[in-house]
């Protein structure tokens, strides 16, 4: 078709509409300020937080535990979503200036980050479900091979689910603002509904698992350590609070692209909501490390150990420097320690 539509993800800052001649300059200005300011902070905090999680897992924890494997992969998925934020900021202000290959890669990485994140959360919840409801089955999955296999399967599914994005996303050259998006409505609708369906299935599976977990815990006569269950539950709740508005907006935009919603004011409100929901999605990438720090006792312990190690090393380095400079000072006549 000749109509140029919104891309299904947050990579499309402009909305070209032939059927609705709405003036959206105020929306574009709002989006520019929002993405430039917030995404700059989110990029810094997400990189620091998730790299810290990866470092603690590698240095202090073992990756034999399935939960640790899933948390490790979740951090990688969050880094994938945030590593392109500087480019996204440039895109919002000056258009797509990075070429066709980067355009496809940019959209594909966002899609892979979305699918991998929800898959690992679902696997993590299902594993905790087995640990509580059927401990004997959970014992069989403690071998390292299961963590490796689950990770490989999750990334393969994420990549295959993102193939339509790679195929149909193109760079569209305009006189004043180049865009990186789908140039036909069918791929847009397929991608939107595919993500909505994937999100809905994962949500259903996770709700079922936690319903069974809570039911089993309430019936249990033995006192168990339920802190891992609480941590995963909080991670899942925060994930769905972050991603649900985005999926709802995607669904409503799909209906609009099929000419269901044509009121200009409603469309503009939808665009405002889209910018906010996209920012909420990206902010989620910074939240998991914070959740580990506040809820995960072992994570806090390892973080303190890492900080104490840094302070000790810094203290020893300063003492070494002072000692060396003191020795040099014996040979200086100007009173300087340097």
C-alpha atoms as a PDB file:
ATOM      1  CA  UNK A   1       0.000   0.000   0.000  1.00  0.00           C
ATOM      2  CA  UNK A   2       1.040   3.589  -0.412  1.00  0.00           C
ATOM      3  CA  UNK A   3       0.283   4.594   3.159  1.00  0.00           C
ATOM      4  CA  UNK A   4       3.212   5.120   5.473  1.00  0.00           C
ATOM      5  CA  UNK A   5       2.355   4.154   9.020  1.00  0.00           C
ATOM      6  CA  UNK A   6       3.845   4.171  12.482  1.00  0.00           C
ATOM      7  CA  UNK A   7       6.454   1.556  13.265  1.00  0.00           C
ATOM      8  CA  UNK A   8       5.186  -0.881  15.900  1.00  0.00           C
ATOM      9  CA  UNK A   9       7.869   0.019  18.389  1.00  0.00           C
ATOM     10  CA  UNK A  10       9.326   3.116  19.959  1.00  0.00           C
ATOM     11  CA  UNK A  11      11.720   3.752  17.086  1.00  0.00           C
ATOM     12  CA  UNK A  12       9.267   5.837  15.060  1.00  0.00           C
ATOM     13  CA  UNK A  13       8.999   9.439  16.271  1.00  0.00           C
ATOM     14  CA  UNK A  14       6.805  10.762  13.505  1.00  0.00           C
ATOM     15  CA  UNK A  15       3.336   9.754  12.439  1.00  0.00           C
ATOM     16  CA  UNK A  16       2.569  10.347   8.770  1.00  0.00           C
ATOM     17  CA  UNK A  17      -1.115  10.161   8.075  1.00  0.00           C
ATOM     18  CA  UNK A  18      -2.873  10.730   4.800  1.00  0.00           C
ATOM     19  CA  UNK A  19      -6.386  10.107   6.079  1.00  0.00           C
ATOM     20  CA  UNK A  20      -6.083  12.327   9.202  1.00  0.00           C
ATOM     21  CA  UNK A  21      -4.600  15.799   8.659  1.00  0.00           C
ATOM     22  CA  UNK A  22      -3.969  16.436  12.390  1.00  0.00           C
ATOM     23  CA  UNK A  23      -1.470  19.083  13.424  1.00  0.00           C
ATOM     24  CA  UNK A  24       0.990  17.163  15.607  1.00  0.00           C
ATOM     25  CA  UNK A  25       3.844  19.625  16.031  1.00  0.00           C
ATOM     26  CA  UNK A  26       3.136  19.911  19.765  1.00  0.00           C
ATOM     27  CA  UNK A  27       3.321  16.132  20.085  1.00  0.00           C
ATOM     28  CA  UNK A  28       6.633  15.967  18.220  1.00  0.00           C
ATOM     29  CA  UNK A  29       8.066  18.700  20.469  1.00  0.00           C
ATOM     30  CA  UNK A  30       6.870  16.849  23.560  1.00  0.00           C
ATOM     31  CA  UNK A  31       8.448  13.619  22.277  1.00  0.00           C
ATOM     32  CA  UNK A  32      11.776  15.326  21.534  1.00  0.00           C
ATOM     33  CA  UNK A  33      12.120  16.767  25.028  1.00  0.00           C
ATOM     34  CA  UNK A  34      10.926  13.581  26.727  1.00  0.00           C
ATOM     35  CA  UNK A  35      13.260  11.244  24.846  1.00  0.00           C
ATOM     36  CA  UNK A  36      16.304  13.530  25.026  1.00  0.00           C
ATOM     37  CA  UNK A  37      16.160  14.154  28.770  1.00  0.00           C
ATOM     38  CA  UNK A  38      14.818  10.904  30.187  1.00  0.00           C
ATOM     39  CA  UNK A  39      16.526   8.499  27.804  1.00  0.00           C
ATOM     40  CA  UNK A  40      19.911  10.026  28.575  1.00  0.00           C
ATOM     41  CA  UNK A  41      19.461   9.274  32.282  1.00  0.00           C
ATOM     42  CA  UNK A  42      17.907   5.856  31.618  1.00  0.00           C
ATOM     43  CA  UNK A  43      20.819   4.881  29.383  1.00  0.00           C
ATOM     44  CA  UNK A  44      23.397   5.711  32.069  1.00  0.00           C
ATOM     45  CA  UNK A  45      21.541   4.035  34.943  1.00  0.00           C
ATOM     46  CA  UNK A  46      20.639   0.928  32.934  1.00  0.00           C
ATOM     47  CA  UNK A  47      24.203   0.379  31.725  1.00  0.00           C
ATOM     48  CA  UNK A  48      25.648   0.800  35.223  1.00  0.00           C
ATOM     49  CA  UNK A  49      22.964  -1.246  36.987  1.00  0.00           C
ATOM     50  CA  UNK A  50      22.817  -4.190  34.605  1.00  0.00           C
ATOM     51  CA  UNK A  51      26.590  -4.408  34.181  1.00  0.00           C
ATOM     52  CA  UNK A  52      26.828  -4.469  37.980  1.00  0.00           C
ATOM     53  CA  UNK A  53      24.332  -7.354  38.100  1.00  0.00           C
ATOM     54  CA  UNK A  54      26.308  -9.294  35.491  1.00  0.00           C
ATOM     55  CA  UNK A  55      29.578  -8.657  37.358  1.00  0.00           C
ATOM     56  CA  UNK A  56      28.141  -9.831  40.688  1.00  0.00           C
ATOM     57  CA  UNK A  57      26.664 -12.956  39.114  1.00  0.00           C
ATOM     58  CA  UNK A  58      29.965 -13.871  37.446  1.00  0.00           C
ATOM     59  CA  UNK A  59      32.204 -12.972  40.396  1.00  0.00           C
ATOM     60  CA  UNK A  60      30.213 -14.083  43.443  1.00  0.00           C
ATOM     61  CA  UNK A  61      27.477 -16.438  42.231  1.00  0.00           C
ATOM     62  CA  UNK A  62      27.462 -19.619  40.189  1.00  0.00           C
ATOM     63  CA  UNK A  63      25.607 -19.828  36.907  1.00  0.00           C
ATOM     64  CA  UNK A  64      24.589 -23.424  37.605  1.00  0.00           C
ATOM     65  CA  UNK A  65      21.398 -22.204  39.303  1.00  0.00           C
ATOM     66  CA  UNK A  66      18.611 -21.781  36.765  1.00  0.00           C
ATOM     67  CA  UNK A  67      17.363 -18.651  38.521  1.00  0.00           C
ATOM     68  CA  UNK A  68      20.814 -17.063  38.214  1.00  0.00           C
ATOM     69  CA  UNK A  69      20.966 -18.062  34.544  1.00  0.00           C
ATOM     70  CA  UNK A  70      17.611 -16.402  33.871  1.00  0.00           C
ATOM     71  CA  UNK A  71      18.578 -13.239  35.793  1.00  0.00           C
ATOM     72  CA  UNK A  72      21.848 -13.134  33.818  1.00  0.00           C
ATOM     73  CA  UNK A  73      19.945 -13.342  30.536  1.00  0.00           C
ATOM     74  CA  UNK A  74      17.362 -10.794  31.699  1.00  0.00           C
ATOM     75  CA  UNK A  75      20.158  -8.299  32.299  1.00  0.00           C
ATOM     76  CA  UNK A  76      21.502  -8.953  28.807  1.00  0.00           C
ATOM     77  CA  UNK A  77      18.010  -8.411  27.364  1.00  0.00           C
ATOM     78  CA  UNK A  78      17.757  -5.099  29.255  1.00  0.00           C
ATOM     79  CA  UNK A  79      21.159  -4.032  27.936  1.00  0.00           C
ATOM     80  CA  UNK A  80      20.037  -4.851  24.392  1.00  0.00           C
ATOM     81  CA  UNK A  81      17.039  -2.565  24.833  1.00  0.00           C
ATOM     82  CA  UNK A  82      19.107   0.309  26.216  1.00  0.00           C
ATOM     83  CA  UNK A  83      22.315   0.156  24.173  1.00  0.00           C
ATOM     84  CA  UNK A  84      20.635   1.937  21.259  1.00  0.00           C
ATOM     85  CA  UNK A  85      19.118   4.783  23.285  1.00  0.00           C
ATOM     86  CA  UNK A  86      21.732   7.380  22.202  1.00  0.00           C
ATOM     87  CA  UNK A  87      20.916   6.586  18.573  1.00  0.00           C
ATOM     88  CA  UNK A  88      17.212   6.848  19.376  1.00  0.00           C
ATOM     89  CA  UNK A  89      17.795  10.335  20.814  1.00  0.00           C
ATOM     90  CA  UNK A  90      19.586  11.404  17.623  1.00  0.00           C
ATOM     91  CA  UNK A  91      16.783   9.878  15.540  1.00  0.00           C
ATOM     92  CA  UNK A  92      14.124  11.895  17.337  1.00  0.00           C
ATOM     93  CA  UNK A  93      15.907  15.180  16.753  1.00  0.00           C
ATOM     94  CA  UNK A  94      17.463  14.851  13.288  1.00  0.00           C
ATOM     95  CA  UNK A  95      15.807  11.856  11.658  1.00  0.00           C
ATOM     96  CA  UNK A  96      17.335   8.538  10.682  1.00  0.00           C
ATOM     97  CA  UNK A  97      20.877   9.263   9.485  1.00  0.00           C
ATOM     98  CA  UNK A  98      22.469   5.851  10.113  1.00  0.00           C
ATOM     99  CA  UNK A  99      21.561   3.919   6.950  1.00  0.00           C
ATOM    100  CA  UNK A 100      19.394   0.943   6.033  1.00  0.00           C
ATOM    101  CA  UNK A 101      21.409  -1.774   7.823  1.00  0.00           C
ATOM    102  CA  UNK A 102      21.387   0.108  11.114  1.00  0.00           C
ATOM    103  CA  UNK A 103      17.659   0.745  10.665  1.00  0.00           C
ATOM    104  CA  UNK A 104      16.890  -2.962  10.450  1.00  0.00           C
ATOM    105  CA  UNK A 105      19.322  -3.789  13.268  1.00  0.00           C
ATOM    106  CA  UNK A 106      17.853  -1.097  15.513  1.00  0.00           C
ATOM    107  CA  UNK A 107      14.268  -2.354  15.177  1.00  0.00           C
ATOM    108  CA  UNK A 108      15.333  -5.999  15.377  1.00  0.00           C
ATOM    109  CA  UNK A 109      17.225  -5.471  18.645  1.00  0.00           C
ATOM    110  CA  UNK A 110      14.231  -3.801  20.246  1.00  0.00           C
ATOM    111  CA  UNK A 111      12.048  -6.716  19.163  1.00  0.00           C
ATOM    112  CA  UNK A 112      14.586  -9.302  20.373  1.00  0.00           C
ATOM    113  CA  UNK A 113      14.869  -7.493  23.709  1.00  0.00           C
ATOM    114  CA  UNK A 114      11.090  -7.567  24.130  1.00  0.00           C
ATOM    115  CA  UNK A 115      10.667 -11.255  23.285  1.00  0.00           C
ATOM    116  CA  UNK A 116      13.703 -12.479  25.226  1.00  0.00           C
ATOM    117  CA  UNK A 117      12.681 -10.538  28.331  1.00  0.00           C
ATOM    118  CA  UNK A 118       9.189 -12.009  28.464  1.00  0.00           C
ATOM    119  CA  UNK A 119      10.451 -15.526  27.649  1.00  0.00           C
ATOM    120  CA  UNK A 120      13.043 -15.528  30.437  1.00  0.00           C
ATOM    121  CA  UNK A 121      10.504 -14.183  32.924  1.00  0.00           C
ATOM    122  CA  UNK A 122       8.086 -16.948  31.930  1.00  0.00           C
ATOM    123  CA  UNK A 123      10.783 -19.621  32.257  1.00  0.00           C
ATOM    124  CA  UNK A 124      11.861 -18.187  35.611  1.00  0.00           C
ATOM    125  CA  UNK A 125       8.287 -18.274  36.909  1.00  0.00           C
ATOM    126  CA  UNK A 126       7.708 -21.801  35.608  1.00  0.00           C
ATOM    127  CA  UNK A 127      10.916 -23.010  37.256  1.00  0.00           C
ATOM    128  CA  UNK A 128       9.828 -21.500  40.569  1.00  0.00           C
ATOM    129  CA  UNK A 129       6.415 -23.118  40.056  1.00  0.00           C
ATOM    130  CA  UNK A 130       8.097 -26.529  39.740  1.00  0.00           C
ATOM    131  CA  UNK A 131      10.261 -25.854  42.793  1.00  0.00           C
ATOM    132  CA  UNK A 132       7.201 -25.198  44.952  1.00  0.00           C
ATOM    133  CA  UNK A 133       4.485 -27.377  43.435  1.00  0.00           C
ATOM    134  CA  UNK A 134       6.571 -30.324  42.182  1.00  0.00           C
ATOM    135  CA  UNK A 135      10.016 -30.283  43.864  1.00  0.00           C
ATOM    136  CA  UNK A 136      11.027 -33.669  42.425  1.00  0.00           C
ATOM    137  CA  UNK A 137      10.639 -32.365  38.878  1.00  0.00           C
ATOM    138  CA  UNK A 138      12.578 -29.227  39.787  1.00  0.00           C
ATOM    139  CA  UNK A 139      15.497 -31.359  41.024  1.00  0.00           C
ATOM    140  CA  UNK A 140      15.848 -32.824  37.541  1.00  0.00           C
ATOM    141  CA  UNK A 141      16.317 -29.354  36.026  1.00  0.00           C
ATOM    142  CA  UNK A 142      19.230 -28.326  38.261  1.00  0.00           C
ATOM    143  CA  UNK A 143      21.839 -29.612  35.856  1.00  0.00           C
ATOM    144  CA  UNK A 144      23.757 -26.841  34.024  1.00  0.00           C
ATOM    145  CA  UNK A 145      22.676 -28.239  30.666  1.00  0.00           C
ATOM    146  CA  UNK A 146      19.084 -27.170  31.342  1.00  0.00           C
ATOM    147  CA  UNK A 147      20.130 -23.550  31.876  1.00  0.00           C
ATOM    148  CA  UNK A 148      22.176 -23.546  28.677  1.00  0.00           C
ATOM    149  CA  UNK A 149      19.379 -25.228  26.715  1.00  0.00           C
ATOM    150  CA  UNK A 150      16.712 -22.842  28.042  1.00  0.00           C
ATOM    151  CA  UNK A 151      18.881 -19.828  27.169  1.00  0.00           C
ATOM    152  CA  UNK A 152      19.573 -21.037  23.631  1.00  0.00           C
ATOM    153  CA  UNK A 153      15.889 -21.830  22.999  1.00  0.00           C
ATOM    154  CA  UNK A 154      14.814 -18.422  24.341  1.00  0.00           C
ATOM    155  CA  UNK A 155      17.220 -16.457  22.146  1.00  0.00           C
ATOM    156  CA  UNK A 156      16.360 -18.533  19.065  1.00  0.00           C
ATOM    157  CA  UNK A 157      12.631 -17.915  19.582  1.00  0.00           C
ATOM    158  CA  UNK A 158      13.290 -14.196  20.077  1.00  0.00           C
ATOM    159  CA  UNK A 159      15.343 -13.953  16.885  1.00  0.00           C
ATOM    160  CA  UNK A 160      12.814 -15.897  14.787  1.00  0.00           C
ATOM    161  CA  UNK A 161       9.948 -13.795  16.146  1.00  0.00           C
ATOM    162  CA  UNK A 162      11.878 -10.687  15.033  1.00  0.00           C
ATOM    163  CA  UNK A 163      12.454 -11.873  11.451  1.00  0.00           C
ATOM    164  CA  UNK A 164       9.445  -9.901  10.057  1.00  0.00           C
ATOM    165  CA  UNK A 165      10.925  -6.742  11.591  1.00  0.00           C
ATOM    166  CA  UNK A 166      14.233  -7.385   9.845  1.00  0.00           C
ATOM    167  CA  UNK A 167      12.543  -8.077   6.507  1.00  0.00           C
ATOM    168  CA  UNK A 168       9.962  -5.299   6.346  1.00  0.00           C
ATOM    169  CA  UNK A 169      11.594  -2.380   8.176  1.00  0.00           C
ATOM    170  CA  UNK A 170      13.036   0.144   5.724  1.00  0.00           C
ATOM    171  CA  UNK A 171      14.574   3.579   5.676  1.00  0.00           C
ATOM    172  CA  UNK A 172      12.201   6.100   4.101  1.00  0.00           C
ATOM    173  CA  UNK A 173      13.913   9.173   2.701  1.00  0.00           C
ATOM    174  CA  UNK A 174      12.056  12.459   2.989  1.00  0.00           C
ATOM    175  CA  UNK A 175      13.186  15.988   2.212  1.00  0.00           C
ATOM    176  CA  UNK A 176      13.551  17.146   5.822  1.00  0.00           C
ATOM    177  CA  UNK A 177      13.252  14.031   7.990  1.00  0.00           C
ATOM    178  CA  UNK A 178      14.246  10.457   7.119  1.00  0.00           C
ATOM    179  CA  UNK A 179      12.409   7.719   9.006  1.00  0.00           C
ATOM    180  CA  UNK A 180      13.061   4.097   9.905  1.00  0.00           C
ATOM    181  CA  UNK A 181       9.787   2.180   9.843  1.00  0.00           C
ATOM    182  CA  UNK A 182       7.463  -0.156   7.995  1.00  0.00           C
ATOM    183  CA  UNK A 183       6.239   1.232   4.691  1.00  0.00           C
ATOM    184  CA  UNK A 184       3.119  -0.988   4.534  1.00  0.00           C
ATOM    185  CA  UNK A 185       0.306  -1.512   6.968  1.00  0.00           C
ATOM    186  CA  UNK A 186       0.173  -5.337   6.869  1.00  0.00           C
ATOM    187  CA  UNK A 187       3.637  -5.889   8.440  1.00  0.00           C
ATOM    188  CA  UNK A 188       2.745  -3.287  11.079  1.00  0.00           C
ATOM    189  CA  UNK A 189      -0.425  -5.125  12.056  1.00  0.00           C
ATOM    190  CA  UNK A 190       1.270  -8.534  12.015  1.00  0.00           C
ATOM    191  CA  UNK A 191       4.092  -7.302  14.249  1.00  0.00           C
ATOM    192  CA  UNK A 192       1.742  -5.493  16.649  1.00  0.00           C
ATOM    193  CA  UNK A 193      -0.678  -8.390  17.041  1.00  0.00           C
ATOM    194  CA  UNK A 194       2.180 -10.879  17.314  1.00  0.00           C
ATOM    195  CA  UNK A 195       3.668  -8.950  20.239  1.00  0.00           C
ATOM    196  CA  UNK A 196       0.231  -8.542  21.842  1.00  0.00           C
ATOM    197  CA  UNK A 197      -0.466 -12.262  21.533  1.00  0.00           C
ATOM    198  CA  UNK A 198       2.947 -13.211  22.869  1.00  0.00           C
ATOM    199  CA  UNK A 199       2.489 -10.862  25.824  1.00  0.00           C
ATOM    200  CA  UNK A 200      -1.006 -12.234  26.549  1.00  0.00           C
ATOM    201  CA  UNK A 201       0.133 -15.884  26.445  1.00  0.00           C
ATOM    202  CA  UNK A 202       3.076 -15.202  28.756  1.00  0.00           C
ATOM    203  CA  UNK A 203       0.834 -13.255  31.124  1.00  0.00           C
ATOM    204  CA  UNK A 204      -1.650 -16.142  31.252  1.00  0.00           C
ATOM    205  CA  UNK A 205       1.086 -18.719  31.941  1.00  0.00           C
ATOM    206  CA  UNK A 206       2.639 -16.595  34.698  1.00  0.00           C
ATOM    207  CA  UNK A 207      -0.721 -15.922  36.387  1.00  0.00           C
ATOM    208  CA  UNK A 208      -1.495 -19.648  36.333  1.00  0.00           C
ATOM    209  CA  UNK A 209       1.913 -20.511  37.834  1.00  0.00           C
ATOM    210  CA  UNK A 210       1.610 -18.006  40.644  1.00  0.00           C
ATOM    211  CA  UNK A 211      -1.943 -19.059  41.408  1.00  0.00           C
ATOM    212  CA  UNK A 212      -0.674 -22.629  41.866  1.00  0.00           C
ATOM    213  CA  UNK A 213       2.346 -21.425  43.866  1.00  0.00           C
ATOM    214  CA  UNK A 214       0.231 -19.403  46.294  1.00  0.00           C
ATOM    215  CA  UNK A 215      -2.286 -22.228  46.607  1.00  0.00           C
ATOM    216  CA  UNK A 216       0.504 -24.686  47.454  1.00  0.00           C
ATOM    217  CA  UNK A 217       2.160 -22.345  49.947  1.00  0.00           C
ATOM    218  CA  UNK A 218      -1.093 -21.740  51.784  1.00  0.00           C
ATOM    219  CA  UNK A 219      -1.634 -25.488  52.133  1.00  0.00           C
ATOM    220  CA  UNK A 220       1.939 -26.213  53.163  1.00  0.00           C
ATOM    221  CA  UNK A 221       2.503 -27.161  56.805  1.00  0.00           C
ATOM    222  CA  UNK A 222       6.256 -26.689  56.580  1.00  0.00           C
ATOM    223  CA  UNK A 223       8.060 -23.405  56.837  1.00  0.00           C
ATOM    224  CA  UNK A 224      10.061 -22.787  53.696  1.00  0.00           C
ATOM    225  CA  UNK A 225      12.237 -20.065  52.371  1.00  0.00           C
ATOM    226  CA  UNK A 226       9.909 -18.187  50.037  1.00  0.00           C
ATOM    227  CA  UNK A 227      12.156 -15.183  49.396  1.00  0.00           C
ATOM    228  CA  UNK A 228      13.087 -16.333  45.857  1.00  0.00           C
ATOM    229  CA  UNK A 229       9.362 -16.609  45.112  1.00  0.00           C
ATOM    230  CA  UNK A 230       8.779 -13.089  46.431  1.00  0.00           C
ATOM    231  CA  UNK A 231      11.662 -11.648  44.386  1.00  0.00           C
ATOM    232  CA  UNK A 232      10.496 -13.258  41.141  1.00  0.00           C
ATOM    233  CA  UNK A 233       6.905 -12.198  41.832  1.00  0.00           C
ATOM    234  CA  UNK A 234       7.979  -8.561  42.293  1.00  0.00           C
ATOM    235  CA  UNK A 235      10.108  -8.696  39.119  1.00  0.00           C
ATOM    236  CA  UNK A 236       7.160 -10.100  37.157  1.00  0.00           C
ATOM    237  CA  UNK A 237       4.687  -7.539  38.554  1.00  0.00           C
ATOM    238  CA  UNK A 238       7.006  -4.642  37.722  1.00  0.00           C
ATOM    239  CA  UNK A 239       7.569  -6.056  34.220  1.00  0.00           C
ATOM    240  CA  UNK A 240       3.855  -6.245  33.475  1.00  0.00           C
ATOM    241  CA  UNK A 241       3.173  -2.809  34.954  1.00  0.00           C
ATOM    242  CA  UNK A 242       5.867  -1.437  32.621  1.00  0.00           C
ATOM    243  CA  UNK A 243       4.883  -3.294  29.456  1.00  0.00           C
ATOM    244  CA  UNK A 244       1.080  -3.537  29.705  1.00  0.00           C
ATOM    245  CA  UNK A 245       0.381   0.142  28.821  1.00  0.00           C
ATOM    246  CA  UNK A 246       2.699  -0.140  25.815  1.00  0.00           C
ATOM    247  CA  UNK A 247       0.901  -3.241  24.538  1.00  0.00           C
ATOM    248  CA  UNK A 248      -2.500  -1.607  25.006  1.00  0.00           C
ATOM    249  CA  UNK A 249      -1.367   1.462  23.060  1.00  0.00           C
ATOM    250  CA  UNK A 250       0.023  -0.771  20.305  1.00  0.00           C
ATOM    251  CA  UNK A 251      -3.331  -2.552  20.062  1.00  0.00           C
ATOM    252  CA  UNK A 252      -5.279   0.718  19.893  1.00  0.00           C
ATOM    253  CA  UNK A 253      -2.908   2.080  17.246  1.00  0.00           C
ATOM    254  CA  UNK A 254      -3.447  -1.080  15.211  1.00  0.00           C
ATOM    255  CA  UNK A 255      -7.192  -0.424  15.321  1.00  0.00           C
ATOM    256  CA  UNK A 256      -6.588   3.167  14.248  1.00  0.00           C
ATOM    257  CA  UNK A 257      -4.449   1.997  11.321  1.00  0.00           C
ATOM    258  CA  UNK A 258      -7.426  -0.102  10.239  1.00  0.00           C
ATOM    259  CA  UNK A 259      -9.568   3.061  10.262  1.00  0.00           C
ATOM    260  CA  UNK A 260     -11.479   2.243  13.474  1.00  0.00           C
ATOM    261  CA  UNK A 261     -10.446   5.429  15.319  1.00  0.00           C
ATOM    262  CA  UNK A 262     -10.369   8.543  13.171  1.00  0.00           C
ATOM    263  CA  UNK A 263     -11.045  11.354  15.674  1.00  0.00           C
ATOM    264  CA  UNK A 264      -8.085  13.731  15.633  1.00  0.00           C
ATOM    265  CA  UNK A 265      -8.122  14.541  19.353  1.00  0.00           C
ATOM    266  CA  UNK A 266      -8.256  10.875  20.285  1.00  0.00           C
ATOM    267  CA  UNK A 267      -5.355  10.099  17.946  1.00  0.00           C
ATOM    268  CA  UNK A 268      -3.264  12.880  19.501  1.00  0.00           C
ATOM    269  CA  UNK A 269      -3.980  11.584  23.011  1.00  0.00           C
ATOM    270  CA  UNK A 270      -2.943   8.161  21.769  1.00  0.00           C
ATOM    271  CA  UNK A 271       0.332   9.604  20.505  1.00  0.00           C
ATOM    272  CA  UNK A 272       1.031  11.266  23.862  1.00  0.00           C
ATOM    273  CA  UNK A 273       0.267   7.975  25.621  1.00  0.00           C
ATOM    274  CA  UNK A 274       2.595   6.183  23.195  1.00  0.00           C
ATOM    275  CA  UNK A 275       5.541   8.407  24.124  1.00  0.00           C
ATOM    276  CA  UNK A 276       4.884   7.940  27.840  1.00  0.00           C
ATOM    277  CA  UNK A 277       4.440   4.165  27.529  1.00  0.00           C
ATOM    278  CA  UNK A 278       7.668   3.885  25.526  1.00  0.00           C
ATOM    279  CA  UNK A 279       9.540   5.756  28.267  1.00  0.00           C
ATOM    280  CA  UNK A 280       7.979   3.450  30.861  1.00  0.00           C
ATOM    281  CA  UNK A 281       9.184   0.437  28.872  1.00  0.00           C
ATOM    282  CA  UNK A 282      12.751   1.724  28.748  1.00  0.00           C
ATOM    283  CA  UNK A 283      12.700   2.727  32.421  1.00  0.00           C
ATOM    284  CA  UNK A 284      11.973  -0.913  33.262  1.00  0.00           C
ATOM    285  CA  UNK A 285      15.513  -1.752  32.154  1.00  0.00           C
ATOM    286  CA  UNK A 286      16.815   0.225  35.154  1.00  0.00           C
ATOM    287  CA  UNK A 287      14.383  -1.280  37.660  1.00  0.00           C
ATOM    288  CA  UNK A 288      15.560  -4.890  37.856  1.00  0.00           C
ATOM    289  CA  UNK A 289      18.968  -4.027  39.415  1.00  0.00           C
ATOM    290  CA  UNK A 290      17.146  -1.818  41.942  1.00  0.00           C
ATOM    291  CA  UNK A 291      14.768  -4.667  42.770  1.00  0.00           C
ATOM    292  CA  UNK A 292      17.673  -7.060  43.289  1.00  0.00           C
ATOM    293  CA  UNK A 293      19.296  -4.527  45.634  1.00  0.00           C
ATOM    294  CA  UNK A 294      16.178  -3.918  47.735  1.00  0.00           C
ATOM    295  CA  UNK A 295      14.589  -7.379  47.715  1.00  0.00           C
ATOM    296  CA  UNK A 296      17.455  -9.807  47.111  1.00  0.00           C
ATOM    297  CA  UNK A 297      19.392 -10.357  50.342  1.00  0.00           C
ATOM    298  CA  UNK A 298      22.233 -12.224  48.614  1.00  0.00           C
ATOM    299  CA  UNK A 299      22.548  -9.484  46.011  1.00  0.00           C
ATOM    300  CA  UNK A 300      22.851  -6.834  48.728  1.00  0.00           C
ATOM    301  CA  UNK A 301      25.465  -8.931  50.493  1.00  0.00           C
ATOM    302  CA  UNK A 302      27.509  -9.334  47.303  1.00  0.00           C
ATOM    303  CA  UNK A 303      27.111  -5.634  46.494  1.00  0.00           C
ATOM    304  CA  UNK A 304      28.428  -4.660  49.929  1.00  0.00           C
ATOM    305  CA  UNK A 305      31.316  -7.075  49.494  1.00  0.00           C
ATOM    306  CA  UNK A 306      32.119  -5.556  46.110  1.00  0.00           C
ATOM    307  CA  UNK A 307      31.997  -2.002  47.496  1.00  0.00           C
ATOM    308  CA  UNK A 308      34.123  -2.973  50.503  1.00  0.00           C
ATOM    309  CA  UNK A 309      36.627  -4.585  48.172  1.00  0.00           C
ATOM    310  CA  UNK A 310      36.728  -1.405  46.083  1.00  0.00           C
ATOM    311  CA  UNK A 311      37.220   0.788  49.169  1.00  0.00           C
ATOM    312  CA  UNK A 312      39.950  -1.515  50.501  1.00  0.00           C
ATOM    313  CA  UNK A 313      41.778  -1.534  47.184  1.00  0.00           C
ATOM    314  CA  UNK A 314      41.426   2.248  46.923  1.00  0.00           C
ATOM    315  CA  UNK A 315      42.705   2.691  50.476  1.00  0.00           C
ATOM    316  CA  UNK A 316      45.701   0.444  49.849  1.00  0.00           C
ATOM    317  CA  UNK A 317      46.426   2.260  46.597  1.00  0.00           C
ATOM    318  CA  UNK A 318      46.361   5.629  48.362  1.00  0.00           C
ATOM    319  CA  UNK A 319      48.680   4.366  51.106  1.00  0.00           C
ATOM    320  CA  UNK A 320      51.040   2.937  48.509  1.00  0.00           C
ATOM    321  CA  UNK A 321      51.038   6.233  46.635  1.00  0.00           C
ATOM    322  CA  UNK A 322      51.688   8.203  49.835  1.00  0.00           C
ATOM    323  CA  UNK A 323      54.511   5.859  50.802  1.00  0.00           C
ATOM    324  CA  UNK A 324      56.155   6.160  47.401  1.00  0.00           C
ATOM    325  CA  UNK A 325      55.699   9.926  47.370  1.00  0.00           C
ATOM    326  CA  UNK A 326      57.112  10.164  50.890  1.00  0.00           C
ATOM    327  CA  UNK A 327      60.232   8.370  49.738  1.00  0.00           C
ATOM    328  CA  UNK A 328      60.493  10.715  46.775  1.00  0.00           C
ATOM    329  CA  UNK A 329      59.939  13.678  49.081  1.00  0.00           C
ATOM    330  CA  UNK A 330      63.207  12.912  50.876  1.00  0.00           C
ATOM    331  CA  UNK A 331      65.016  13.817  47.677  1.00  0.00           C
ATOM    332  CA  UNK A 332      62.998  16.939  46.827  1.00  0.00           C
ATOM    333  CA  UNK A 333      63.920  20.430  47.954  1.00  0.00           C
ATOM    334  CA  UNK A 334      60.717  22.233  47.041  1.00  0.00           C
ATOM    335  CA  UNK A 335      58.482  20.584  49.663  1.00  0.00           C
ATOM    336  CA  UNK A 336      56.204  18.976  47.042  1.00  0.00           C
ATOM    337  CA  UNK A 337      54.884  15.441  47.496  1.00  0.00           C
ATOM    338  CA  UNK A 338      54.857  14.933  43.748  1.00  0.00           C
END
